[in-house]
Amino acid sequence: MQEEEIIIGFDALYNSEGKCAKGVCRKASVGRFHLFRMDEILKLQKELATGTYKARPTIKVRITYPKPRTAVANGFRDRVYQRSLNDNAVYPAMTRSFIRQNAACQTGKGTDWARKQVKLMMEREYRQHGADGYVLLVDIRHYYDTMPHDVANRCFERHLPPSVHNRVREVLDRQYTGEAGYNPGSQMVQLAGISVPDPIDHYIKERLRAKKYVRFMDDSLIIHHDKARLEEWREAIRARYAADGMELHPTKTKIVRLKDGFRFLGFIYRLTPAGKVVMTVDPQNVKAERKRLFRLAQLIKAGEKPASALYEQYGSWKAHAAKGNSQQLLQRMDQYVKTLLEGITT
């Protein structure tokens, strides 16, 4: 009974609704639910308690950034239930076994935390072995598209009580048919994404004894001074993922010299002969941002967008770029934005 209360109790659903509605109340469907949230939550709670709840059809949404893909969008009332299920029962149980270096989608972690770990590991490698070390970059090919459903289900089953696991199965089985493949978008799928490789994380840390390791979703890396050792580990990791029905990307999974530089989470990292870690924005990211700003400037000149839209977009990207060694790049970008806005009254 207590387990049910923390998932479908009124307080649990009410708190979940507040989180789901934050920043999106401008949407008509969300605004209406939020306006009448007391009645709507009571109806939702009753349906869940009596077993009459039926999720509404999902909508496929095309996402173009950072790379083209299709995501699944749930109706707002379904998101309220799934958020409560995830936050109050699934997330605490699933993340309890994670290694510290599992960096994605967790409180207190994220991309900034992962980037910091990479820099710390590179600095530690220099102190211990000098500047001639290597990094093994591991990328899973078409991660969400090829993730076997039975592997994800077994992962949830290992950590969740039967009643909670059944709820998770109902959510995932309704949205995704077939034997493999998920569309990122829902919290449940993201949690599967960070949980499925958890046994491999433990294998890398505890059996292979890789000390300098970090993973962000399907991208991971290991730093070591011995290239031959990394080659052995690469094949061992490849075999473990293959056993779970997943394949390492043939070109993105590679071993690179630290001093030659490598891409990870939108930045390029390079270790100088003096031991300094230089972190610069990926040139592909810069090129894409210049294109976005140019298109926005054209819309502003045509009167279809306010100038504030460009400032908001550039300000967000600039804050991201400023996390690296980007002073000269930002000076050039400031000048580029100034050129774009010439003749526009702001």
Protein backbone atom coordinates (compact mmCIF):
# COMPACT_ATOMS: atom_id res chain seq x y z
CA MET A 1 0.00 0.00 0.00
CA GLN A 2 2.82 2.39 0.89
CA GLU A 3 4.50 1.57 -2.43
CA GLU A 4 1.32 2.51 -4.31
CA GLU A 5 0.95 5.73 -2.32
CA ILE A 6 4.40 7.04 -3.23
CA ILE A 7 3.63 6.53 -6.93
CA ILE A 8 -0.09 7.22 -7.43
CA GLY A 9 -1.01 9.01 -4.20
CA PHE A 10 -2.47 12.49 -4.61
CA ASP A 11 0.58 14.25 -3.16
CA ALA A 12 2.93 12.30 -5.43
CA LEU A 13 0.92 13.11 -8.56
CA TYR A 14 0.45 16.74 -7.51
CA ASN A 15 4.20 17.25 -7.07
CA SER A 16 4.85 15.49 -10.36
CA GLU A 17 2.36 17.74 -12.16
CA GLY A 18 4.16 20.83 -10.87
CA LYS A 19 7.48 19.56 -12.23
CA CYS A 20 5.99 18.61 -15.60
CA ALA A 21 4.18 21.95 -16.01
CA LYS A 22 7.21 24.08 -15.20
CA GLY A 23 8.07 26.26 -18.19
CA VAL A 24 5.43 24.77 -20.53
CA CYS A 25 2.14 26.18 -19.19
CA ARG A 26 1.90 28.32 -22.32
CA LYS A 27 0.83 25.21 -24.23
CA ALA A 28 -2.96 24.93 -24.36
CA SER A 29 -3.21 21.30 -23.25
CA VAL A 30 -0.79 21.84 -20.37
CA GLY A 31 -2.39 25.14 -19.33
CA ARG A 32 -5.86 23.60 -19.14
CA PHE A 33 -4.68 20.63 -17.07
CA HIS A 34 -2.72 22.94 -14.78
CA LEU A 35 -5.66 25.31 -14.32
CA PHE A 36 -7.94 22.47 -13.23
CA ARG A 37 -5.16 20.37 -11.75
CA MET A 38 -6.99 19.43 -8.54
CA ASP A 39 -9.84 17.80 -10.46
CA GLU A 40 -7.58 16.37 -13.15
CA ILE A 41 -5.21 14.78 -10.64
CA LEU A 42 -8.10 13.29 -8.66
CA LYS A 43 -9.45 11.74 -11.88
CA LEU A 44 -6.02 10.42 -12.82
CA GLN A 45 -5.47 9.02 -9.33
CA LYS A 46 -8.83 7.23 -9.38
CA GLU A 47 -8.12 5.65 -12.78
CA LEU A 48 -4.71 4.45 -11.62
CA ALA A 49 -6.08 3.08 -8.34
CA THR A 50 -8.99 1.22 -9.96
CA GLY A 51 -7.02 -0.13 -12.91
CA THR A 52 -9.05 1.81 -15.49
CA TYR A 53 -6.18 4.09 -16.54
CA LYS A 54 -5.41 4.00 -20.24
CA ALA A 55 -2.54 5.99 -21.67
CA ARG A 56 -3.32 8.20 -24.64
CA PRO A 57 -1.64 7.84 -28.05
CA THR A 58 1.90 9.15 -28.31
CA ILE A 59 3.12 11.65 -30.89
CA LYS A 60 6.35 11.31 -32.86
CA VAL A 61 8.44 14.48 -32.85
CA ARG A 62 11.32 15.20 -35.22
CA ILE A 63 14.40 16.64 -33.50
CA THR A 64 17.17 18.21 -35.57
CA TYR A 65 19.74 19.25 -32.92
CA PRO A 66 22.33 18.13 -31.95
CA LYS A 67 21.66 15.39 -34.50
CA PRO A 68 18.52 14.41 -36.46
CA ARG A 69 16.37 11.83 -34.70
CA THR A 70 12.78 10.99 -33.86
CA ALA A 71 11.49 11.23 -30.29
CA VAL A 72 8.20 10.15 -28.74
CA ALA A 73 6.05 12.73 -26.92
CA ASN A 74 3.46 11.60 -24.38
CA GLY A 75 0.27 13.42 -23.48
CA PHE A 76 0.59 15.69 -20.45
CA ARG A 77 -1.49 13.54 -18.06
CA ASP A 78 0.61 10.51 -19.02
CA ARG A 79 3.80 12.48 -18.35
CA VAL A 80 2.48 13.35 -14.89
CA TYR A 81 2.03 9.66 -14.04
CA GLN A 82 5.33 8.59 -15.59
CA ARG A 83 7.23 11.38 -13.82
CA SER A 84 5.82 10.26 -10.47
CA LEU A 85 6.65 6.62 -11.22
CA ASN A 86 10.16 7.54 -12.29
CA ASP A 87 11.05 10.05 -9.57
CA ASN A 88 9.50 8.25 -6.61
CA ALA A 89 10.17 4.59 -7.35
CA VAL A 90 12.27 3.80 -10.41
CA TYR A 91 15.10 6.37 -10.28
CA PRO A 92 16.09 5.76 -6.61
CA ALA A 93 16.19 1.99 -7.09
CA MET A 94 18.01 1.98 -10.42
CA THR A 95 20.73 4.51 -9.58
CA ARG A 96 21.66 2.92 -6.27
CA SER A 97 24.12 0.52 -7.90
CA PHE A 98 25.71 3.02 -10.31
CA ILE A 99 29.42 3.66 -10.24
CA ARG A 100 30.41 7.25 -9.54
CA GLN A 101 31.69 7.72 -13.10
CA ASN A 102 28.22 7.16 -14.64
CA ALA A 103 27.60 10.83 -15.37
CA ALA A 104 24.30 11.28 -17.26
CA CYS A 105 20.78 12.18 -16.05
CA GLN A 106 21.50 12.16 -12.32
CA THR A 107 21.17 14.76 -9.59
CA GLY A 108 24.47 16.58 -9.10
CA LYS A 109 25.97 15.27 -12.33
CA GLY A 110 25.64 16.05 -16.05
CA THR A 111 27.78 17.26 -18.93
CA ASP A 112 29.73 19.84 -16.90
CA TRP A 113 30.52 17.24 -14.24
CA ALA A 114 31.62 14.72 -16.88
CA ARG A 115 33.87 17.28 -18.60
CA LYS A 116 35.47 18.13 -15.28
CA GLN A 117 36.21 14.44 -14.67
CA VAL A 118 37.88 14.17 -18.07
CA LYS A 119 40.15 17.13 -17.31
CA LEU A 120 41.01 15.75 -13.87
CA MET A 121 41.86 12.34 -15.33
CA MET A 122 44.08 13.88 -18.01
CA GLU A 123 45.92 15.93 -15.40
CA ARG A 124 46.36 12.85 -13.22
CA GLU A 125 47.67 10.87 -16.19
CA TYR A 126 50.27 13.58 -16.87
CA ARG A 127 51.44 13.59 -13.24
CA GLN A 128 51.79 9.81 -13.22
CA HIS A 129 53.10 9.02 -16.71
CA GLY A 130 53.83 12.24 -18.61
CA ALA A 131 52.23 13.56 -21.80
CA ASP A 132 52.47 10.42 -23.95
CA GLY A 133 49.27 8.73 -22.78
CA TYR A 134 46.30 7.51 -24.79
CA VAL A 135 42.53 7.59 -24.60
CA LEU A 136 40.14 4.84 -25.68
CA LEU A 137 36.92 6.40 -26.96
CA VAL A 138 33.90 4.07 -26.88
CA ASP A 139 30.69 4.83 -28.77
CA ILE A 140 27.72 2.46 -29.17
CA ARG A 141 26.36 2.42 -32.70
CA HIS A 142 22.71 3.54 -32.93
CA TYR A 143 22.40 3.08 -29.18
CA TYR A 144 18.70 3.70 -28.61
CA ASP A 145 17.68 2.38 -32.03
CA THR A 146 19.24 -1.04 -31.39
CA MET A 147 18.79 -1.50 -27.63
CA PRO A 148 17.12 -4.92 -27.18
CA HIS A 149 13.87 -4.73 -25.22
CA ASP A 150 14.62 -7.90 -23.28
CA VAL A 151 17.96 -6.48 -22.11
CA ALA A 152 16.29 -3.28 -20.88
CA ASN A 153 13.49 -5.23 -19.20
CA ARG A 154 15.93 -7.53 -17.40
CA CYS A 155 17.83 -4.47 -16.24
CA PHE A 156 14.70 -2.98 -14.66
CA GLU A 157 13.64 -6.35 -13.25
CA ARG A 158 16.96 -6.79 -11.40
CA HIS A 159 16.48 -3.62 -9.38
CA LEU A 160 12.72 -3.04 -9.02
CA PRO A 161 10.00 -4.70 -6.92
CA PRO A 162 7.61 -6.76 -9.10
CA SER A 163 4.74 -4.26 -8.84
CA VAL A 164 6.94 -1.34 -9.92
CA HIS A 165 8.57 -3.38 -12.66
CA ASN A 166 5.13 -4.26 -14.04
CA ARG A 167 4.27 -0.57 -14.28
CA VAL A 168 7.51 0.12 -16.14
CA ARG A 169 6.82 -2.77 -18.54
CA GLU A 170 3.34 -1.40 -19.24
CA VAL A 171 4.72 2.04 -20.07
CA LEU A 172 7.51 0.79 -22.35
CA ASP A 173 5.58 -2.03 -24.04
CA ARG A 174 2.76 0.33 -24.96
CA GLN A 175 5.09 2.85 -26.57
CA TYR A 176 7.55 0.49 -28.24
CA THR A 177 6.68 -2.68 -30.12
CA GLY A 178 9.07 -5.19 -31.62
CA GLU A 179 12.20 -6.67 -30.10
CA ALA A 180 14.57 -3.70 -30.12
CA GLY A 181 14.73 0.07 -30.33
CA TYR A 182 13.59 3.04 -28.26
CA ASN A 183 13.12 6.70 -29.10
CA PRO A 184 14.74 9.06 -26.57
CA GLY A 185 12.38 11.60 -25.08
CA SER A 186 10.75 10.10 -22.02
CA GLN A 187 12.41 9.86 -18.62
CA MET A 188 11.87 6.11 -18.58
CA VAL A 189 13.85 5.61 -21.78
CA GLN A 190 16.62 7.93 -20.58
CA LEU A 191 16.83 5.91 -17.37
CA ALA A 192 17.11 2.74 -19.44
CA GLY A 193 19.88 4.46 -21.38
CA ILE A 194 22.01 5.10 -18.30
CA SER A 195 21.13 1.78 -16.62
CA VAL A 196 21.62 -0.87 -19.31
CA PRO A 197 25.46 -0.44 -19.46
CA ASP A 198 25.73 -0.44 -15.63
CA PRO A 199 27.01 -4.06 -15.44
CA ILE A 200 29.62 -3.18 -18.07
CA ASP A 201 30.64 -0.13 -16.01
CA HIS A 202 31.29 -2.44 -13.06
CA TYR A 203 33.16 -4.86 -15.32
CA ILE A 204 35.43 -2.06 -16.55
CA LYS A 205 36.11 -0.67 -13.09
CA GLU A 206 36.28 -3.90 -11.07
CA ARG A 207 37.51 -6.58 -13.48
CA LEU A 208 39.58 -4.61 -15.97
CA ARG A 209 40.70 -2.26 -13.18
CA ALA A 210 40.47 0.83 -15.39
CA LYS A 211 41.03 3.72 -13.00
CA LYS A 212 40.49 6.63 -15.41
CA TYR A 213 37.03 5.90 -16.83
CA VAL A 214 33.88 7.95 -17.32
CA ARG A 215 30.63 7.32 -19.21
CA PHE A 216 27.95 9.73 -20.37
CA MET A 217 25.02 7.70 -21.75
CA ASP A 218 26.47 5.78 -24.74
CA ASP A 219 29.76 7.72 -24.92
CA SER A 220 32.60 6.65 -22.65
CA LEU A 221 36.36 6.86 -22.45
CA ILE A 222 39.32 5.30 -20.67
CA ILE A 223 42.68 7.02 -20.26
CA HIS A 224 45.84 4.90 -19.88
CA HIS A 225 49.54 5.14 -20.67
CA ASP A 226 49.72 1.70 -22.35
CA LYS A 227 48.18 1.54 -25.84
CA ALA A 228 48.36 -2.27 -25.96
CA ARG A 229 46.36 -2.48 -22.73
CA LEU A 230 43.69 -0.20 -24.19
CA GLU A 231 43.51 -2.40 -27.30
CA GLU A 232 42.86 -5.44 -25.07
CA TRP A 233 40.21 -3.54 -23.12
CA ARG A 234 38.53 -2.34 -26.32
CA GLU A 235 37.99 -5.92 -27.49
CA ALA A 236 36.79 -7.04 -24.05
CA ILE A 237 34.28 -4.17 -23.95
CA ARG A 238 33.20 -4.91 -27.52
CA ALA A 239 32.45 -8.52 -26.52
CA ARG A 240 30.41 -7.45 -23.49
CA TYR A 241 28.24 -5.09 -25.52
CA ALA A 242 27.85 -7.71 -28.27
CA ALA A 243 26.55 -10.17 -25.66
CA ASP A 244 23.78 -7.64 -24.94
CA GLY A 245 22.97 -7.23 -28.63
CA MET A 246 24.75 -3.91 -29.17
CA GLU A 247 27.64 -2.96 -31.45
CA LEU A 248 30.47 -0.49 -30.98
CA HIS A 249 30.70 2.20 -33.66
CA PRO A 250 33.46 1.14 -36.10
CA THR A 251 34.98 4.61 -36.56
CA LYS A 252 34.05 6.49 -33.39
CA THR A 253 35.44 3.74 -31.16
CA LYS A 254 39.19 4.34 -31.37
CA ILE A 255 42.43 4.93 -29.49
CA VAL A 256 43.94 8.42 -29.72
CA ARG A 257 47.03 10.10 -28.30
CA LEU A 258 46.12 12.62 -25.61
CA LYS A 259 48.42 15.19 -27.18
CA ASP A 260 46.65 14.81 -30.55
CA GLY A 261 43.26 15.76 -29.08
CA PHE A 262 39.88 14.02 -29.02
CA ARG A 263 36.18 14.92 -29.09
CA PHE A 264 33.91 14.34 -26.09
CA LEU A 265 30.61 16.02 -25.18
CA GLY A 266 30.91 18.92 -27.62
CA PHE A 267 34.51 19.88 -26.85
CA ILE A 268 37.97 18.90 -28.08
CA TYR A 269 40.46 18.01 -25.34
CA ARG A 270 44.22 18.11 -25.83
CA LEU A 271 47.13 17.57 -23.44
CA THR A 272 50.10 19.90 -24.02
CA PRO A 273 53.73 18.81 -23.46
CA ALA A 274 53.71 20.96 -20.30
CA GLY A 275 50.73 19.07 -18.90
CA LYS A 276 48.03 21.66 -19.48
CA VAL A 277 44.61 20.42 -20.56
CA VAL A 278 43.23 22.61 -23.37
CA MET A 279 39.48 22.31 -23.92
CA THR A 280 38.07 24.03 -27.01
CA VAL A 281 34.64 24.04 -28.63
CA ASP A 282 34.22 21.49 -31.39
CA PRO A 283 34.55 23.38 -34.75
CA GLN A 284 31.45 21.55 -36.01
CA ASN A 285 29.52 23.10 -33.13
CA VAL A 286 30.84 26.57 -34.01
CA LYS A 287 29.87 26.13 -37.67
CA ALA A 288 26.35 25.02 -36.73
CA GLU A 289 25.93 27.99 -34.37
CA ARG A 290 27.01 30.49 -37.03
CA LYS A 291 24.39 29.02 -39.38
CA ARG A 292 21.68 29.31 -36.72
CA LEU A 293 22.59 32.92 -35.99
CA PHE A 294 22.65 33.77 -39.70
CA ARG A 295 19.17 32.32 -40.22
CA LEU A 296 17.87 34.19 -37.17
CA ALA A 297 19.36 37.45 -38.49
CA GLN A 298 17.53 36.95 -41.80
CA LEU A 299 14.23 36.41 -39.96
CA ILE A 300 14.85 39.53 -37.86
CA LYS A 301 15.53 41.62 -40.97
CA ALA A 302 12.30 40.28 -42.49
CA GLY A 303 10.39 41.32 -39.37
CA GLU A 304 9.46 37.74 -38.47
CA LYS A 305 11.53 37.59 -35.27
CA PRO A 306 12.59 40.16 -32.66
CA ALA A 307 16.29 40.89 -32.20
CA SER A 308 16.01 39.49 -28.68
CA ALA A 309 15.67 36.00 -30.20
CA LEU A 310 19.19 36.22 -31.61
CA TYR A 311 20.64 37.61 -28.37
CA GLU A 312 18.97 34.81 -26.42
CA GLN A 313 20.29 32.11 -28.75
CA TYR A 314 23.81 33.52 -28.83
CA GLY A 315 23.86 34.13 -25.08
CA SER A 316 23.00 30.49 -24.44
CA TRP A 317 25.67 29.22 -26.81
CA LYS A 318 28.24 31.70 -25.48
CA ALA A 319 27.72 30.43 -21.94
CA HIS A 320 28.38 26.91 -23.23
CA ALA A 321 31.51 27.91 -25.16
CA ALA A 322 32.88 29.89 -22.20
CA LYS A 323 33.33 26.62 -20.28
CA GLY A 324 36.38 25.90 -22.43
CA ASN A 325 39.50 27.80 -23.48
CA SER A 326 37.51 29.99 -25.85
CA GLN A 327 38.48 33.63 -25.32
CA GLN A 328 39.66 34.27 -28.89
CA LEU A 329 36.77 32.30 -30.37
CA LEU A 330 34.24 34.33 -28.38
CA GLN A 331 35.84 37.58 -29.51
CA ARG A 332 35.45 36.49 -33.14
CA MET A 333 31.86 35.38 -32.52
CA ASP A 334 31.01 38.69 -30.83
CA GLN A 335 32.24 40.48 -33.94
CA TYR A 336 30.24 38.10 -36.16
CA VAL A 337 27.03 38.82 -34.24
CA LYS A 338 27.73 42.54 -34.41
CA THR A 339 28.11 42.26 -38.20
CA LEU A 340 24.86 40.29 -38.51
CA LEU A 341 22.92 42.96 -36.65
CA GLU A 342 24.28 45.95 -38.59
CA GLY A 343 21.40 48.09 -39.77
CA ILE A 344 18.90 46.37 -37.49
CA THR A 345 17.21 48.54 -34.86
CA THR A 346 17.28 46.73 -31.54
